[in-house]
Protein backbone atom coordinates (compact mmCIF):
# COMPACT_ATOMS: atom_id res chain seq x y z
CA MET A 1 55.47 13.85 -8.99
CA THR A 2 57.97 14.21 -12.06
CA THR A 3 60.78 11.43 -11.14
CA LYS A 4 62.10 9.54 -13.58
CA ILE A 5 62.98 5.71 -13.28
CA MET A 6 66.64 4.62 -14.29
CA GLY A 7 66.87 0.87 -14.47
CA ILE A 8 69.86 -0.90 -13.65
CA ILE A 9 71.71 -3.73 -15.79
CA ASN A 10 75.20 -4.78 -14.18
CA ILE A 11 77.23 -6.87 -16.67
CA THR A 12 78.88 -8.17 -13.91
CA ASN A 13 79.55 -11.27 -11.80
CA ASN A 14 80.03 -9.42 -8.47
CA SER A 15 77.36 -6.92 -7.99
CA TYR A 16 75.97 -6.67 -4.32
CA PHE A 17 72.78 -7.56 -5.45
CA THR A 18 72.98 -10.71 -7.08
CA LYS A 19 69.65 -10.64 -8.99
CA SER A 20 71.02 -7.92 -11.02
CA GLN A 21 73.87 -9.61 -12.79
CA PHE A 22 73.64 -10.45 -16.21
CA ILE A 23 77.21 -11.01 -17.53
CA SER A 24 76.15 -13.01 -21.06
CA LEU A 25 74.94 -10.59 -23.67
CA SER A 26 71.91 -12.25 -24.12
CA SER A 27 70.92 -12.17 -20.67
CA ALA A 28 71.41 -8.55 -20.34
CA ILE A 29 69.51 -7.75 -23.47
CA GLU A 30 66.56 -9.81 -22.25
CA GLN A 31 66.81 -7.82 -18.88
CA ALA A 32 66.84 -4.56 -20.54
CA LEU A 33 63.64 -5.18 -22.97
CA LEU A 34 62.11 -6.16 -19.45
CA LEU A 35 63.09 -3.13 -17.69
CA GLU A 36 61.73 -1.07 -20.71
CA LYS A 37 58.50 -2.80 -20.81
CA GLU A 38 57.82 -2.47 -17.05
CA GLY A 39 58.42 1.44 -17.83
CA ALA A 40 61.81 2.50 -17.13
CA ASP A 41 62.45 5.96 -18.48
CA TYR A 42 66.09 5.30 -18.90
CA LEU A 43 68.55 2.55 -18.67
CA ASP A 44 71.97 2.51 -16.86
CA ILE A 45 74.54 -0.13 -17.95
CA GLY A 46 77.84 -0.93 -16.26
CA GLY A 47 80.22 -3.39 -16.66
CA CYS A 48 82.77 -3.07 -13.68
CA SER A 49 81.26 -3.42 -9.72
CA THR A 50 82.33 -0.36 -7.63
CA LYS A 51 80.99 -1.85 -4.35
CA PRO A 52 83.25 -1.54 -1.46
CA ASN A 53 86.14 -3.97 -1.19
CA SER A 54 85.71 -4.83 -5.06
CA ILE A 55 88.55 -5.40 -7.18
CA PRO A 56 88.28 -3.32 -10.64
CA ILE A 57 88.60 -5.47 -13.69
CA SER A 58 90.72 -4.11 -16.85
CA THR A 59 89.60 -1.30 -19.03
CA ASP A 60 89.71 -4.02 -21.90
CA GLU A 61 87.43 -6.41 -19.99
CA GLU A 62 84.87 -3.67 -19.08
CA ILE A 63 84.92 -2.71 -22.97
CA LYS A 64 84.32 -6.15 -23.95
CA ARG A 65 80.92 -6.63 -21.52
CA VAL A 66 79.42 -3.41 -22.11
CA ILE A 67 79.90 -2.16 -25.82
CA PRO A 68 78.26 -5.42 -27.30
CA VAL A 69 75.38 -4.97 -25.17
CA LEU A 70 75.33 -0.84 -25.93
CA LYS A 71 75.28 -1.83 -29.81
CA ALA A 72 72.55 -4.42 -29.39
CA LEU A 73 70.02 -2.26 -27.08
CA LYS A 74 70.53 0.99 -29.36
CA LYS A 75 68.88 -1.41 -31.85
CA GLU A 76 66.26 -2.43 -29.92
CA LEU A 77 65.35 0.23 -27.34
CA LYS A 78 63.53 3.18 -27.51
CA ILE A 79 64.66 4.72 -24.00
CA PRO A 80 67.81 6.79 -23.62
CA ILE A 81 70.67 4.63 -22.20
CA SER A 82 73.25 5.71 -19.72
CA ILE A 83 77.06 4.22 -19.52
CA ASP A 84 78.09 3.96 -15.85
CA THR A 85 81.72 3.86 -16.35
CA TYR A 86 84.79 6.28 -14.76
CA ARG A 87 87.07 4.97 -17.53
CA TYR A 88 87.66 7.61 -20.66
CA GLU A 89 88.33 4.64 -23.21
CA VAL A 90 85.20 2.81 -22.20
CA ALA A 91 82.88 6.30 -22.39
CA ARG A 92 84.38 7.17 -25.45
CA GLN A 93 83.59 4.21 -27.25
CA ALA A 94 79.72 4.03 -25.79
CA VAL A 95 79.42 7.71 -27.03
CA ASP A 96 80.63 6.54 -30.53
CA GLU A 97 77.98 3.86 -30.31
CA GLY A 98 75.59 6.58 -29.46
CA VAL A 99 75.03 6.36 -25.81
CA ASP A 100 72.71 8.86 -24.23
CA PHE A 101 73.80 9.82 -20.67
CA ILE A 102 77.52 9.35 -19.10
CA ASN A 103 77.20 8.45 -15.33
CA ASP A 104 80.99 8.73 -13.73
CA ILE A 105 81.14 7.81 -9.95
CA THR A 106 84.46 9.75 -9.63
CA GLY A 107 82.38 12.99 -10.41
CA PHE A 108 84.60 13.48 -13.90
CA GLU A 109 87.62 13.49 -12.08
CA ASP A 110 89.89 12.46 -15.29
CA PRO A 111 90.44 15.69 -17.64
CA LYS A 112 89.75 13.21 -20.58
CA MET A 113 86.20 12.30 -19.20
CA ARG A 114 85.59 16.08 -18.89
CA GLN A 115 86.56 16.94 -22.32
CA LEU A 116 84.53 14.13 -23.70
CA ALA A 117 81.72 15.56 -21.88
CA LYS A 118 82.16 18.78 -23.30
CA LYS A 119 82.74 17.64 -27.00
CA SER A 120 79.52 15.15 -26.83
CA GLU A 121 77.30 17.42 -25.44
CA LEU A 122 75.56 14.76 -23.34
CA PRO A 123 73.87 14.69 -20.03
CA ILE A 124 76.30 13.70 -17.31
CA CYS A 125 75.77 12.49 -13.79
CA VAL A 126 78.50 13.89 -11.43
CA MET A 127 78.80 11.54 -8.10
CA HIS A 128 80.38 12.26 -4.84
CA LYS A 129 82.17 9.55 -3.13
CA GLN A 130 84.98 9.82 -0.68
CA GLY A 131 87.97 7.38 -1.21
CA ASP A 132 88.03 4.15 -3.67
CA SER A 133 86.66 0.64 -3.21
CA LYS A 134 89.11 -0.28 -1.19
CA THR A 135 89.33 2.38 1.51
CA MET A 136 85.84 4.21 0.92
CA GLN A 137 84.06 2.36 4.09
CA ILE A 138 87.21 2.50 6.59
CA HIS A 139 86.12 4.69 8.96
CA PRO A 140 84.33 7.67 6.47
CA THR A 141 84.74 11.05 8.18
CA TYR A 142 83.32 14.51 7.52
CA ALA A 143 84.56 16.90 10.27
CA LYS A 144 82.15 19.62 9.18
CA GLY A 145 79.20 17.49 8.44
CA ALA A 146 78.63 15.08 5.72
CA ILE A 147 76.02 17.21 3.73
CA HIS A 148 78.25 20.31 4.30
CA GLU A 149 81.29 18.99 3.00
CA ILE A 150 79.44 17.23 0.00
CA ARG A 151 77.83 20.54 -0.99
CA GLU A 152 81.18 22.44 -0.85
CA TRP A 153 82.75 19.42 -3.38
CA PHE A 154 79.92 19.97 -5.55
CA GLU A 155 80.47 23.76 -5.73
CA LYS A 156 83.99 23.45 -6.67
CA ARG A 157 83.48 20.45 -9.10
CA ILE A 158 80.68 22.26 -10.75
CA LYS A 159 82.69 25.59 -11.34
CA LEU A 160 85.46 23.15 -12.62
CA LEU A 161 83.19 21.56 -14.86
CA LEU A 162 81.74 25.07 -16.40
CA ASP A 163 84.86 26.48 -16.64
CA GLU A 164 86.02 23.82 -18.87
CA GLY A 165 82.98 24.45 -21.01
CA ILE A 166 80.25 21.64 -19.80
CA LYS A 167 76.92 23.46 -20.23
CA LYS A 168 75.24 23.43 -16.66
CA GLU A 169 72.10 22.20 -18.08
CA HIS A 170 73.86 18.82 -19.00
CA ILE A 171 74.70 18.40 -15.54
CA TYR A 172 73.14 16.06 -12.65
CA ILE A 173 74.40 15.52 -9.23
CA ASP A 174 74.49 12.42 -7.03
CA PRO A 175 75.72 12.68 -3.73
CA GLY A 176 76.59 9.06 -3.66
CA ILE A 177 74.83 7.16 -1.14
CA GLY A 178 76.99 4.53 0.37
CA PHE A 179 80.13 5.80 -1.23
CA GLY A 180 82.40 6.73 1.84
CA LYS A 181 79.64 7.25 4.04
CA THR A 182 78.26 5.56 7.19
CA LEU A 183 74.34 4.62 8.03
CA GLU A 184 74.38 8.07 9.61
CA HIS A 185 76.01 9.91 6.81
CA ASN A 186 73.46 8.41 4.59
CA LEU A 187 70.43 9.55 6.70
CA GLU A 188 71.79 13.04 6.82
CA ILE A 189 72.24 13.39 3.26
CA LEU A 190 68.71 12.10 2.51
CA GLN A 191 67.33 14.15 4.96
CA ASP A 192 68.89 17.31 3.74
CA LEU A 193 68.70 17.02 0.25
CA ASP A 194 67.61 20.68 -0.24
CA LYS A 195 71.15 21.63 0.78
CA LEU A 196 71.98 20.53 -2.66
CA ARG A 197 68.82 21.25 -4.59
CA ASP A 198 69.87 24.66 -3.61
CA LEU A 199 72.83 24.16 -6.04
CA GLY A 200 70.21 24.47 -8.87
CA LEU A 201 70.82 21.30 -10.76
CA PRO A 202 68.61 18.13 -11.12
CA LEU A 203 69.24 15.36 -8.73
CA LEU A 204 69.87 11.69 -9.53
CA LEU A 205 70.21 9.37 -6.49
CA GLY A 206 70.48 5.32 -6.18
CA THR A 207 69.61 4.18 -2.90
CA SER A 208 68.24 0.60 -4.38
CA ARG A 209 68.78 -2.18 -1.64
CA LYS A 210 71.91 -0.90 -0.40
CA THR A 211 73.76 -1.56 2.66
CA PHE A 212 72.14 1.19 4.97
CA ILE A 213 68.79 -0.17 4.06
CA GLN A 214 69.99 -3.84 4.86
CA LYS A 215 71.24 -2.34 8.13
CA LEU A 216 67.99 -0.57 9.04
CA THR A 217 65.83 -3.38 7.94
CA LYS A 218 68.36 -6.33 9.00
CA GLN A 219 67.57 -7.89 5.58
CA PRO A 220 70.09 -8.94 3.01
CA ALA A 221 70.24 -7.24 -0.25
CA GLU A 222 67.57 -9.80 -1.83
CA LYS A 223 64.99 -9.05 0.87
CA ALA A 224 65.60 -5.15 0.90
CA LEU A 225 62.79 -4.06 -1.88
CA TYR A 226 60.61 -2.79 0.91
CA GLY A 227 63.04 -0.94 2.62
CA THR A 228 64.42 0.71 -0.65
CA LEU A 229 60.36 1.24 -1.78
CA GLY A 230 60.39 3.41 1.84
CA VAL A 231 63.09 5.59 1.24
CA ASN A 232 62.22 6.33 -2.68
CA SER A 233 58.77 7.40 -1.70
CA MET A 234 60.31 10.03 0.54
CA LEU A 235 62.92 10.93 -2.44
CA ILE A 236 59.92 10.95 -4.91
CA GLN A 237 57.94 13.29 -2.52
CA LYS A 238 61.17 15.57 -2.52
CA ASP A 239 61.02 15.57 -6.24
CA VAL A 240 64.30 13.71 -6.92
CA ASP A 241 64.41 13.98 -10.49
CA ILE A 242 66.06 10.43 -11.37
CA LEU A 243 65.88 7.29 -9.28
CA ARG A 244 68.43 4.48 -10.24
CA VAL A 245 66.71 1.44 -8.94
CA HIS A 246 66.72 -2.45 -9.73
CA ASP A 247 63.26 -2.91 -9.40
CA VAL A 248 61.21 -0.94 -12.10
CA ALA A 249 58.22 -2.45 -11.87
CA ALA A 250 57.85 -1.76 -8.18
CA HIS A 251 58.60 1.79 -8.22
CA LYS A 252 56.44 2.68 -11.30
CA GLU A 253 53.41 1.15 -9.08
CA LEU A 254 54.90 3.64 -6.04
CA LEU A 255 54.92 6.36 -8.77
CA ALA A 256 51.33 5.78 -9.64
CA VAL A 257 50.18 5.73 -6.14
CA LEU A 258 51.79 8.86 -5.12
CA ASN A 259 50.58 10.87 -8.25
CA ALA A 260 47.12 9.76 -7.25
CA LEU A 261 47.21 11.04 -3.84
CA LYS A 262 49.16 14.25 -4.64
CA PRO A 263 46.26 16.30 -5.44
CA LEU A 264 44.76 15.29 -1.77
CA THR A 265 47.55 16.65 0.34
């Protein structure tokens, strides 16, 4: 299995998984070093929660949260660091500090973000979502089917990115599990990932401890690790390129077992 593991650092005080909140500089750095030790291939840092019904913080506050952490981690970590932001000024400063990857939940909707992606020539993750944090879970609808409409959206967005000079080899795609999707939509996406794989771009997915797993297992986020491992076991076997997770050590163990079993199947 070639799946890579991206560890999550939320420099927030309102993320849906409370144990992933590291609002102080020292706690964020400590957690980052731990995730690297546990075997993370990438680290994704973000300072603004985008969960349903969250209230966005200001751009200045997001910068105050993430840039000092990024500066410190660039001196400490050996693995690539991703910045999780949809705001140009946050991403620009992160690029100036040597970030290795840009992860934008709006799919690079902002033309300035697209120009930054082109100029920096960094790998980028283009995510699909329906609506914003206030509206995305209010009756999300896909008249032609979730996977069909998401694929159509990706086709248009990828063409736009390529037309504006971003190289195809720099683009990852993420169907945005939980971002404007019902439980049924999420399951449809996960079961039909091959319809996105056909686009010829690497896949990055984040299912870790999300609401749809909580619904299936009847467990809160704090107890949703087993369900997460179940989902991500399937995704690893589908050769998803990067999994964005809270629990790096558990997923590295899962990968070790699946890799050992692969020759037997």
